[in-house]
Amino acid sequence: MTKVDRDRAQARFDKAAKAVQDAKSGKAERDATAKAVLDNMAKLKALRLAREAAEPQRAPAAKAAKKARSSTKRPDEKPVALSEWLASQQNGGRRT
């Protein structure tokens, strides 16, 4: 094995070792970040539960009255047959 071959092999080994080390440190960073997020969620949940326990129980809020929709149909008007509606659309200038 020549010196050039040894240097190449050493460089390849060093590169692989560095990649393994970077992967380990990256995983550690991700784990630390995930743990911080979970700890924060647990803290916020505990605060919310404590706040809800301290508040007096409220009666369930009545649902807001539904807004009446304005309808184009009139209740006493009979529905138009499809053939009549298509004829009125064509006479009105629409082509389908």
C-alpha atoms as a PDB file:
ATOM      1  CA  MET A   1       0.000   0.000   0.000  1.00  0.00           C
ATOM      2  CA  THR A   2       1.433   3.341  -0.974  1.00  0.00           C
ATOM      3  CA  LYS A   3       1.464   6.479   1.107  1.00  0.00           C
ATOM      4  CA  VAL A   4      -1.216   8.046  -1.115  1.00  0.00           C
ATOM      5  CA  ASP A   5      -3.495   5.035  -0.613  1.00  0.00           C
ATOM      6  CA  ARG A   6      -2.968   5.173   3.160  1.00  0.00           C
ATOM      7  CA  ASP A   7      -3.727   8.890   3.234  1.00  0.00           C
ATOM      8  CA  ARG A   8      -6.919   8.334   1.245  1.00  0.00           C
ATOM      9  CA  ALA A   9      -8.013   5.509   3.516  1.00  0.00           C
ATOM     10  CA  GLN A  10      -7.252   7.594   6.611  1.00  0.00           C
ATOM     11  CA  ALA A  11      -9.210  10.556   5.209  1.00  0.00           C
ATOM     12  CA  ARG A  12     -12.155   8.270   4.426  1.00  0.00           C
ATOM     13  CA  PHE A  13     -12.044   6.808   7.936  1.00  0.00           C
ATOM     14  CA  ASP A  14     -11.809  10.270   9.525  1.00  0.00           C
ATOM     15  CA  LYS A  15     -14.749  11.466   7.440  1.00  0.00           C
ATOM     16  CA  ALA A  16     -16.864   8.473   8.499  1.00  0.00           C
ATOM     17  CA  ALA A  17     -15.921   8.945  12.164  1.00  0.00           C
ATOM     18  CA  LYS A  18     -16.818  12.651  11.969  1.00  0.00           C
ATOM     19  CA  ALA A  19     -20.188  11.792  10.384  1.00  0.00           C
ATOM     20  CA  VAL A  20     -20.949   9.348  13.207  1.00  0.00           C
ATOM     21  CA  GLN A  21     -19.998  11.948  15.816  1.00  0.00           C
ATOM     22  CA  ASP A  22     -22.150  14.609  14.111  1.00  0.00           C
ATOM     23  CA  ALA A  23     -25.098  12.206  13.970  1.00  0.00           C
ATOM     24  CA  LYS A  24     -24.781  11.484  17.693  1.00  0.00           C
ATOM     25  CA  SER A  25     -24.595  15.157  18.609  1.00  0.00           C
ATOM     26  CA  GLY A  26     -27.493  15.972  16.274  1.00  0.00           C
ATOM     27  CA  LYS A  27     -29.613  13.267  17.902  1.00  0.00           C
ATOM     28  CA  ALA A  28     -28.729  14.591  21.336  1.00  0.00           C
ATOM     29  CA  GLU A  29     -29.794  18.090  20.276  1.00  0.00           C
ATOM     30  CA  ARG A  30     -33.090  16.784  18.872  1.00  0.00           C
ATOM     31  CA  ASP A  31     -33.727  14.798  22.030  1.00  0.00           C
ATOM     32  CA  ALA A  32     -33.005  17.834  24.207  1.00  0.00           C
ATOM     33  CA  THR A  33     -35.327  19.996  22.121  1.00  0.00           C
ATOM     34  CA  ALA A  34     -38.109  17.402  22.236  1.00  0.00           C
ATOM     35  CA  LYS A  35     -37.724  17.063  26.017  1.00  0.00           C
ATOM     36  CA  ALA A  36     -37.902  20.851  26.421  1.00  0.00           C
ATOM     37  CA  VAL A  37     -41.100  20.986  24.363  1.00  0.00           C
ATOM     38  CA  LEU A  38     -42.710  18.158  26.356  1.00  0.00           C
ATOM     39  CA  ASP A  39     -41.708  19.781  29.662  1.00  0.00           C
ATOM     40  CA  ASN A  40     -43.203  23.091  28.538  1.00  0.00           C
ATOM     41  CA  MET A  41     -46.458  21.389  27.492  1.00  0.00           C
ATOM     42  CA  ALA A  42     -46.687  19.632  30.859  1.00  0.00           C
ATOM     43  CA  LYS A  43     -46.096  22.906  32.705  1.00  0.00           C
ATOM     44  CA  LEU A  44     -48.751  24.715  30.668  1.00  0.00           C
ATOM     45  CA  LYS A  45     -51.240  21.888  31.199  1.00  0.00           C
ATOM     46  CA  ALA A  46     -50.653  22.008  34.961  1.00  0.00           C
ATOM     47  CA  LEU A  47     -51.182  25.790  34.955  1.00  0.00           C
ATOM     48  CA  ARG A  48     -54.381  25.445  32.918  1.00  0.00           C
ATOM     49  CA  LEU A  49     -55.774  22.748  35.194  1.00  0.00           C
ATOM     50  CA  ALA A  50     -54.935  24.808  38.282  1.00  0.00           C
ATOM     51  CA  ARG A  51     -56.618  27.880  36.775  1.00  0.00           C
ATOM     52  CA  GLU A  52     -59.722  25.872  35.838  1.00  0.00           C
ATOM     53  CA  ALA A  53     -59.884  24.360  39.332  1.00  0.00           C
ATOM     54  CA  ALA A  54     -59.682  27.813  40.930  1.00  0.00           C
ATOM     55  CA  GLU A  55     -62.508  29.240  38.814  1.00  0.00           C
ATOM     56  CA  PRO A  56     -66.092  28.690  39.943  1.00  0.00           C
ATOM     57  CA  GLN A  57     -68.124  26.374  37.761  1.00  0.00           C
ATOM     58  CA  ARG A  58     -70.030  28.281  35.131  1.00  0.00           C
ATOM     59  CA  ALA A  59     -73.299  27.222  33.594  1.00  0.00           C
ATOM     60  CA  PRO A  60     -72.915  25.995  30.033  1.00  0.00           C
ATOM     61  CA  ALA A  61     -73.197  28.940  27.694  1.00  0.00           C
ATOM     62  CA  ALA A  62     -76.355  28.966  25.629  1.00  0.00           C
ATOM     63  CA  LYS A  63     -75.614  28.532  21.991  1.00  0.00           C
ATOM     64  CA  ALA A  64     -76.063  31.648  19.959  1.00  0.00           C
ATOM     65  CA  ALA A  65     -79.265  31.691  17.976  1.00  0.00           C
ATOM     66  CA  LYS A  66     -78.633  30.550  14.460  1.00  0.00           C
ATOM     67  CA  LYS A  67     -78.831  33.245  11.891  1.00  0.00           C
ATOM     68  CA  ALA A  68     -81.767  32.788   9.576  1.00  0.00           C
ATOM     69  CA  ARG A  69     -80.572  32.286   6.056  1.00  0.00           C
ATOM     70  CA  SER A  70     -82.125  34.375   3.407  1.00  0.00           C
ATOM     71  CA  SER A  71     -83.527  32.004   0.890  1.00  0.00           C
ATOM     72  CA  THR A  72     -84.368  32.663  -2.725  1.00  0.00           C
ATOM     73  CA  LYS A  73     -87.291  30.238  -2.519  1.00  0.00           C
ATOM     74  CA  ARG A  74     -90.614  31.329  -1.235  1.00  0.00           C
ATOM     75  CA  PRO A  75     -92.408  28.828   0.989  1.00  0.00           C
ATOM     76  CA  ASP A  76     -95.657  28.874  -1.015  1.00  0.00           C
ATOM     77  CA  GLU A  77     -93.891  28.631  -4.399  1.00  0.00           C
ATOM     78  CA  LYS A  78     -93.745  25.227  -6.053  1.00  0.00           C
ATOM     79  CA  PRO A  79     -90.423  23.986  -7.401  1.00  0.00           C
ATOM     80  CA  VAL A  80     -89.857  24.405 -11.123  1.00  0.00           C
ATOM     81  CA  ALA A  81     -89.457  21.304 -13.266  1.00  0.00           C
ATOM     82  CA  LEU A  82     -85.961  20.716 -14.627  1.00  0.00           C
ATOM     83  CA  SER A  83     -87.043  20.989 -18.258  1.00  0.00           C
ATOM     84  CA  GLU A  84     -88.719  24.349 -17.578  1.00  0.00           C
ATOM     85  CA  TRP A  85     -85.643  25.607 -15.752  1.00  0.00           C
ATOM     86  CA  LEU A  86     -83.333  24.556 -18.607  1.00  0.00           C
ATOM     87  CA  ALA A  87     -85.630  26.252 -21.129  1.00  0.00           C
ATOM     88  CA  SER A  88     -85.610  29.461 -19.085  1.00  0.00           C
ATOM     89  CA  GLN A  89     -81.795  29.353 -18.885  1.00  0.00           C
ATOM     90  CA  GLN A  90     -81.466  28.997 -22.643  1.00  0.00           C
ATOM     91  CA  ASN A  91     -84.035  31.730 -23.276  1.00  0.00           C
ATOM     92  CA  GLY A  92     -82.210  33.937 -20.813  1.00  0.00           C
ATOM     93  CA  GLY A  93     -79.043  33.786 -22.892  1.00  0.00           C
ATOM     94  CA  ARG A  94     -77.154  31.009 -21.135  1.00  0.00           C
ATOM     95  CA  ARG A  95     -75.762  28.182 -23.175  1.00  0.00           C
ATOM     96  CA  THR A  96     -74.802  24.935 -21.597  1.00  0.00           C
END
